[in-house]
Structures are given as C-alpha cells and as structure tokens.
Protein backbone atom coordinates (compact mmCIF):
# COMPACT_ATOMS: atom_id res chain seq x y z
CA MET A 1 37.35 21.74 -12.93
CA THR A 2 40.56 21.97 -14.54
CA ASP A 3 43.15 22.20 -11.79
CA VAL A 4 44.35 18.55 -12.73
CA LEU A 5 46.17 20.30 -15.51
CA GLU A 6 49.59 21.86 -15.30
CA PRO A 7 49.69 25.60 -17.03
CA VAL A 8 51.38 24.18 -20.09
CA ALA A 9 48.91 21.41 -20.56
CA ARG A 10 46.25 23.87 -20.07
CA ALA A 11 47.58 26.44 -22.39
CA ALA A 12 47.78 23.55 -25.08
CA ALA A 13 43.97 22.61 -24.25
CA ASP A 14 42.90 26.22 -24.76
CA SER A 15 44.88 26.86 -27.90
CA ILE A 16 43.13 23.42 -29.53
CA LEU A 17 39.78 24.06 -28.33
CA ASP A 18 39.86 27.98 -29.39
CA ARG A 19 40.84 26.86 -32.87
CA GLU A 20 38.38 23.76 -33.01
CA SER A 21 35.34 25.82 -31.54
CA ASP A 22 35.48 28.02 -34.67
CA GLN A 23 34.72 24.60 -36.70
CA ARG A 24 31.91 23.16 -34.64
CA ASP A 25 29.66 24.04 -31.73
CA HIS A 26 30.85 22.11 -28.86
CA LEU A 27 28.15 20.98 -26.21
CA VAL A 28 30.90 19.87 -23.91
CA VAL A 29 34.59 18.90 -24.05
CA ALA A 30 35.62 16.60 -21.42
CA LEU A 31 39.16 15.73 -19.97
CA SER A 32 39.70 11.96 -20.40
CA GLY A 33 42.69 9.55 -19.94
CA ALA A 34 45.05 9.56 -17.13
CA HIS A 35 44.21 13.04 -15.92
CA ALA A 36 40.69 12.43 -15.45
CA TYR A 37 41.40 8.74 -13.90
CA GLY A 38 43.49 9.86 -11.28
CA PHE A 39 47.12 8.88 -12.37
CA PRO A 40 48.49 11.66 -14.68
CA SER A 41 52.48 11.76 -15.14
CA PRO A 42 54.53 14.37 -16.52
CA ASP A 43 54.65 12.73 -20.01
CA SER A 44 50.87 11.92 -20.20
CA ASP A 45 49.29 13.15 -23.23
CA LEU A 46 46.13 15.30 -23.26
CA ASP A 47 42.79 13.43 -24.04
CA LEU A 48 40.25 15.85 -25.01
CA LYS A 49 36.84 14.32 -25.83
CA ALA A 50 33.78 16.38 -27.03
CA VAL A 51 30.35 16.30 -27.94
CA HIS A 52 29.30 18.78 -30.69
CA ILE A 53 25.90 19.80 -32.41
CA ALA A 54 25.96 20.01 -36.28
CA PRO A 55 23.59 22.66 -37.70
CA SER A 56 20.11 21.62 -38.00
CA GLU A 57 19.84 22.54 -41.53
CA HIS A 58 22.60 20.10 -42.37
CA PHE A 59 20.19 17.12 -41.74
CA LEU A 60 17.59 18.62 -43.96
CA GLY A 61 19.56 19.48 -47.12
CA LEU A 62 22.42 18.42 -49.27
CA THR A 63 25.14 19.41 -46.73
CA LYS A 64 26.33 16.46 -44.62
CA PRO A 65 26.53 16.91 -41.00
CA GLU A 66 30.10 16.29 -39.44
CA ARG A 67 29.59 13.18 -37.46
CA GLU A 68 33.24 12.98 -36.07
CA ALA A 69 36.44 14.79 -36.02
CA ASN A 70 39.52 13.46 -34.40
CA PHE A 71 43.36 13.94 -34.67
CA ILE A 72 46.48 13.93 -32.53
CA GLU A 73 48.78 16.99 -32.52
CA LEU A 74 51.87 18.12 -30.76
CA VAL A 75 51.38 21.47 -29.15
CA GLY A 76 54.78 22.76 -27.88
CA GLU A 77 55.82 19.51 -25.74
CA VAL A 78 52.16 18.40 -25.11
CA GLU A 79 50.56 15.82 -27.33
CA VAL A 80 47.06 16.63 -27.62
CA ASP A 81 44.52 13.53 -28.64
CA TYR A 82 41.18 15.36 -29.58
CA THR A 83 37.78 13.53 -30.52
CA SER A 84 34.51 14.86 -31.16
CA ASN A 85 31.09 13.22 -32.05
CA GLU A 86 27.83 14.60 -33.14
CA LEU A 87 25.02 14.82 -30.62
CA GLY A 88 22.66 12.32 -32.42
CA GLY A 89 25.23 9.70 -32.44
CA VAL A 90 25.84 10.21 -28.65
CA VAL A 91 22.35 10.27 -27.73
CA GLN A 92 22.06 6.83 -29.28
CA GLY A 93 25.34 5.88 -27.72
CA LEU A 94 24.04 6.69 -24.29
CA LEU A 95 20.91 4.45 -24.72
CA ASP A 96 23.12 1.67 -25.87
CA GLY A 97 25.49 1.84 -22.94
CA ASN A 98 28.42 3.43 -24.50
CA GLY A 99 30.68 4.48 -21.45
CA ASN A 100 32.85 6.81 -23.62
CA TYR A 101 29.87 9.09 -24.37
CA LEU A 102 28.75 8.83 -20.69
CA GLU A 103 31.93 9.90 -19.38
CA ARG A 104 31.92 13.06 -21.60
CA VAL A 105 28.48 14.16 -20.47
CA LEU A 106 28.81 13.34 -16.63
CA GLY A 107 32.52 13.27 -16.12
CA ALA A 108 33.92 15.35 -13.49
CA TYR A 109 36.36 17.37 -15.47
CA SER A 110 34.83 19.68 -18.37
CA LEU A 111 37.07 22.12 -20.03
CA ARG A 112 34.19 23.70 -22.01
CA ARG A 113 30.55 23.23 -21.26
CA ASP A 114 27.45 24.59 -22.60
CA PRO A 115 24.50 25.08 -20.15
CA LEU A 116 22.51 22.59 -22.61
CA CYS A 117 24.74 19.95 -21.53
CA ASP A 118 23.14 20.10 -18.00
CA GLU A 119 19.98 19.16 -19.63
CA LEU A 120 21.52 16.21 -21.58
CA ALA A 121 23.28 15.18 -18.21
CA GLU A 122 20.12 14.90 -16.50
CA LEU A 123 18.40 12.93 -19.03
CA ALA A 124 21.54 10.73 -19.49
CA THR A 125 21.50 10.01 -15.76
CA ALA A 126 17.94 8.89 -15.90
CA ALA A 127 18.80 6.56 -18.89
CA ILE A 128 21.61 4.58 -17.22
CA SER A 129 21.08 0.81 -17.63
CA ARG A 130 22.70 -2.62 -17.18
CA ARG A 131 23.65 -2.22 -20.89
CA TYR A 132 26.66 -0.46 -19.64
CA LEU A 133 28.25 -3.70 -18.41
CA ARG A 134 29.14 -4.72 -22.11
CA HIS A 135 31.36 -1.43 -22.45
CA TYR A 136 33.22 -1.57 -19.09
CA ARG A 137 33.57 -5.30 -19.07
CA GLY A 138 34.87 -5.35 -22.79
CA PHE A 139 37.46 -2.72 -22.13
CA ALA A 140 38.63 -4.22 -18.91
CA LEU A 141 39.10 -7.49 -20.76
CA ASN A 142 41.04 -5.85 -23.53
CA GLN A 143 43.42 -4.41 -21.00
CA LEU A 144 43.66 -7.60 -18.67
CA ALA A 145 44.78 -9.41 -22.08
CA ARG A 146 47.61 -6.72 -22.55
CA VAL A 147 48.76 -7.22 -18.96
CA GLN A 148 48.95 -11.03 -19.37
CA ARG A 149 50.91 -10.83 -22.59
CA SER A 150 53.54 -8.48 -21.36
CA GLU A 151 56.28 -10.03 -19.29
CA ARG A 152 56.51 -6.84 -17.41
CA PRO A 153 53.61 -4.67 -17.82
CA ALA A 154 53.37 -0.93 -17.18
CA ALA A 155 51.64 0.22 -14.06
CA LYS A 156 49.32 2.09 -16.42
CA GLN A 157 48.01 -1.14 -18.02
CA VAL A 158 47.18 -2.63 -14.40
CA LEU A 159 45.62 0.60 -13.60
CA TYR A 160 43.42 0.55 -16.71
CA VAL A 161 41.91 -2.76 -15.76
CA LEU A 162 40.95 -1.47 -12.35
CA ARG A 163 39.81 1.82 -13.36
CA THR A 164 37.52 0.61 -15.95
CA ALA A 165 36.24 -2.40 -13.92
CA LEU A 166 35.69 -0.18 -11.03
CA THR A 167 34.04 2.66 -12.77
CA GLY A 168 31.57 -0.16 -14.02
CA THR A 169 31.07 -1.72 -10.99
CA HIS A 170 30.08 1.32 -9.12
CA LEU A 171 27.91 2.60 -11.97
CA LEU A 172 25.97 -0.85 -12.23
CA ARG A 173 25.68 -0.78 -8.19
CA THR A 174 24.77 2.87 -7.67
CA GLY A 175 23.93 4.54 -10.79
CA GLU A 176 26.80 6.95 -10.30
CA LEU A 177 29.54 7.72 -12.41
CA VAL A 178 33.06 7.89 -10.96
CA VAL A 179 36.04 7.63 -13.32
CA ASP A 180 38.81 8.79 -10.99
CA VAL A 181 40.04 5.44 -9.73
CA THR A 182 41.53 6.87 -6.60
CA LEU A 183 38.08 7.57 -5.35
CA LEU A 184 37.10 3.94 -5.71
CA LEU A 185 40.06 1.90 -4.53
CA ASP A 186 39.49 1.79 -0.61
CA ASP A 187 35.65 1.22 -0.93
CA TYR A 188 36.20 -1.84 -3.15
CA GLY A 189 39.23 -3.23 -1.32
CA TYR A 190 42.06 -2.18 -3.50
CA GLY A 191 43.69 0.40 -1.57
CA ASP A 192 47.06 -1.10 -2.02
CA ALA A 193 46.85 -0.20 -5.58
CA ARG A 194 47.94 3.26 -4.61
CA GLU A 195 51.51 2.00 -4.93
CA LEU A 196 50.53 1.34 -8.71
CA VAL A 197 49.26 4.92 -8.74
CA GLU A 198 52.35 6.46 -7.22
CA ALA A 199 54.49 4.51 -9.76
CA LYS A 200 52.46 5.64 -12.72
CA ARG A 201 52.59 9.21 -11.59
CA LYS A 202 56.37 8.92 -12.20
CA GLY A 203 56.00 8.17 -15.98
CA GLU A 204 53.91 6.59 -18.55
CA ARG A 205 56.40 3.67 -18.82
CA MET A 206 56.95 2.66 -15.28
CA LEU A 207 57.29 -1.05 -15.63
CA LEU A 208 56.31 -3.50 -12.97
CA GLU A 209 58.48 -6.20 -11.57
CA ARG A 210 57.72 -9.73 -12.71
CA ASN A 211 56.50 -10.73 -8.97
CA VAL A 212 54.34 -7.66 -9.06
CA LYS A 213 52.55 -8.76 -12.05
CA ALA A 214 52.03 -12.22 -10.74
CA ALA A 215 50.59 -10.78 -7.57
CA TRP A 216 47.96 -8.82 -9.36
CA LEU A 217 46.80 -11.41 -12.10
CA ASP A 218 44.46 -13.28 -9.79
CA ARG A 219 43.11 -9.80 -8.28
CA LEU A 220 42.63 -8.51 -11.82
CA ASP A 221 40.55 -11.53 -12.55
CA ALA A 222 38.55 -10.93 -9.28
CA VAL A 223 37.91 -7.33 -10.15
CA ILE A 224 36.19 -8.20 -13.23
CA GLU A 225 34.11 -11.05 -11.51
CA GLY A 226 33.06 -8.11 -9.39
CA LEU A 227 31.71 -6.05 -12.26
CA ASP A 228 29.69 -9.24 -13.33
CA GLU A 229 28.29 -9.70 -9.96
CA ALA A 230 27.34 -6.02 -9.85
CA GLU A 231 25.56 -6.43 -13.15
CA SER A 232 23.35 -9.50 -11.87
CA SER A 233 22.45 -7.71 -8.76
CA SER A 234 22.13 -4.19 -10.14
CA PRO A 235 18.93 -2.07 -9.41
CA LEU A 236 19.25 -0.46 -12.87
CA PRO A 237 16.76 -1.24 -15.72
CA SER A 238 17.93 -3.75 -18.42
CA GLU A 239 17.44 -0.93 -20.85
CA ALA A 240 16.70 2.59 -20.96
CA ASP A 241 13.39 4.36 -22.14
CA ALA A 242 14.67 6.02 -25.28
CA ALA A 243 11.52 8.42 -25.47
CA PRO A 244 12.77 11.38 -23.15
CA LEU A 245 16.15 11.61 -24.93
CA ASP A 246 14.54 11.29 -28.35
CA ALA A 247 12.11 14.12 -27.58
CA TRP A 248 14.78 16.26 -26.04
CA LEU A 249 17.18 15.67 -29.17
CA VAL A 250 14.11 16.75 -31.48
CA GLN A 251 13.16 19.91 -29.40
CA THR A 252 17.02 20.88 -29.34
CA ARG A 253 17.39 20.57 -33.07
CA ARG A 254 14.17 22.40 -33.86
CA ALA A 255 15.00 25.29 -31.59
CA ARG A 256 18.55 25.65 -33.03
CA LEU A 257 16.83 25.67 -36.60
CA ALA A 258 14.61 28.25 -35.57
C-alpha cells in the first residue's frame, strides 16, 4: 500500500531501494514516520525501515555479515532516511519487545516485501507479549519530555506522544498493531486531536499556541497512564516463547545456504 506517497516521494523511494537492493537482500522495506503515522506534510522526510537477510555463508566463514546499514540522503527535494537491520537481530528484537522491528514486519505500508516476510509476520504476531510496554512507554515519555521543555511545541511533537502511547495501548489490549494514529483517536477518546493532525499536515514546524500546549499536557500524562493500565490488564503473555522463531530462523538460513 503506497498510495500515501506523492509521485515525487515514490520515485525517490524507488531510486534508493533499487540501488540498495543490489547491496543487500531485503525481506521487507516498510514506510515509517509521518507517512505511516497518519500525518504527513509536504515537507516530511521519507523514512524507509528495512529488514535484510545476510548470506548464510557469512555466518560460517571469515566474512562478517552486515548487521546494519543506515544513511540520510537527499534525492531531488526529498530527504530519505534509510535503515536496514539483519534478520537475526530483528528476530531477537521481536522477542525482546522492539516496537520498531514489529512495525517493519507488521506495518500497513510495505514498499517492498518478500513472501518470506509473511511467514515471519505470522510468527511475530504469535510472539507479541507485554514486553512491548517498555518500548512504547519509553518512546512516549521521551517525546513528552520534549513537549514539556518547549515553550511552543510543534503539533508533530504532541502527535508523536499520542501515536506511540495509543499504538502501544492498542497492542497490549488486543494484540493488534495499528501505527496510523488517526485510526485510534476516536476509539480512545482523543478525536479532538484531529485538529493537531490537520495542523501537522500543513508543515513539519507548525507550532502550537501556549494555551494549546497547556491544554494537552494533562491529557498526555493521561494517555501514558492508559498505556500502563493496558499492560496491567493485558491478555498477552509476559514474554514470548522463543522456540518457533528460533526454529524458523535456523530453517531459513539453512535453506538459503543450500
């Protein structure tokens, strides 16, 4: 699903991914950032977050497998932020509760996707646990601190608190990953935040008035409290069973070696 991208951004993404696909074997390339979260603006950069598979023989001999690749590059007028992590580290991260990796595998917007990723997605869904609280709570608190420090925070900063906390809350309550905050606002009592969404869609640096910041501070505390409450009542296990993902990773590496 790439209709959230304007043609110029899509062309920039294709240019980067065609080149980087010659360097590594992508399992998935997911669209992240404002485009995936429901509030892109004309000046939003393009966040491409990938999972790649290093050649299996690189784990057996002297060649070191490429664990990570990342860069920021300007393609025409589009700033592209690209990151790719190797499958082994991603699988471990899924078990540890790394929301960044989960959003790559289960996110709604995949620009490139190997059928093998569908197998990983099924296993990742089964492995969702309460460990994801730490990721989403930590990110939300980080963003909240930025809002508190700023005299006039950008609409983007407030939305990042809401996006992260509500994604985490919904995940812990239901086991379903939803990264587009506009799909969660009404259900969780934050429908009026659509005004922030509209402001952000006008530009990355749309600043809020001081009274708007003051009105949102208590509510941002409340959304994080809601995240904690979701964890305490979550039907998810405290941690995932590593065996299915471990077996799949071994099988995948063996098949590619053969």
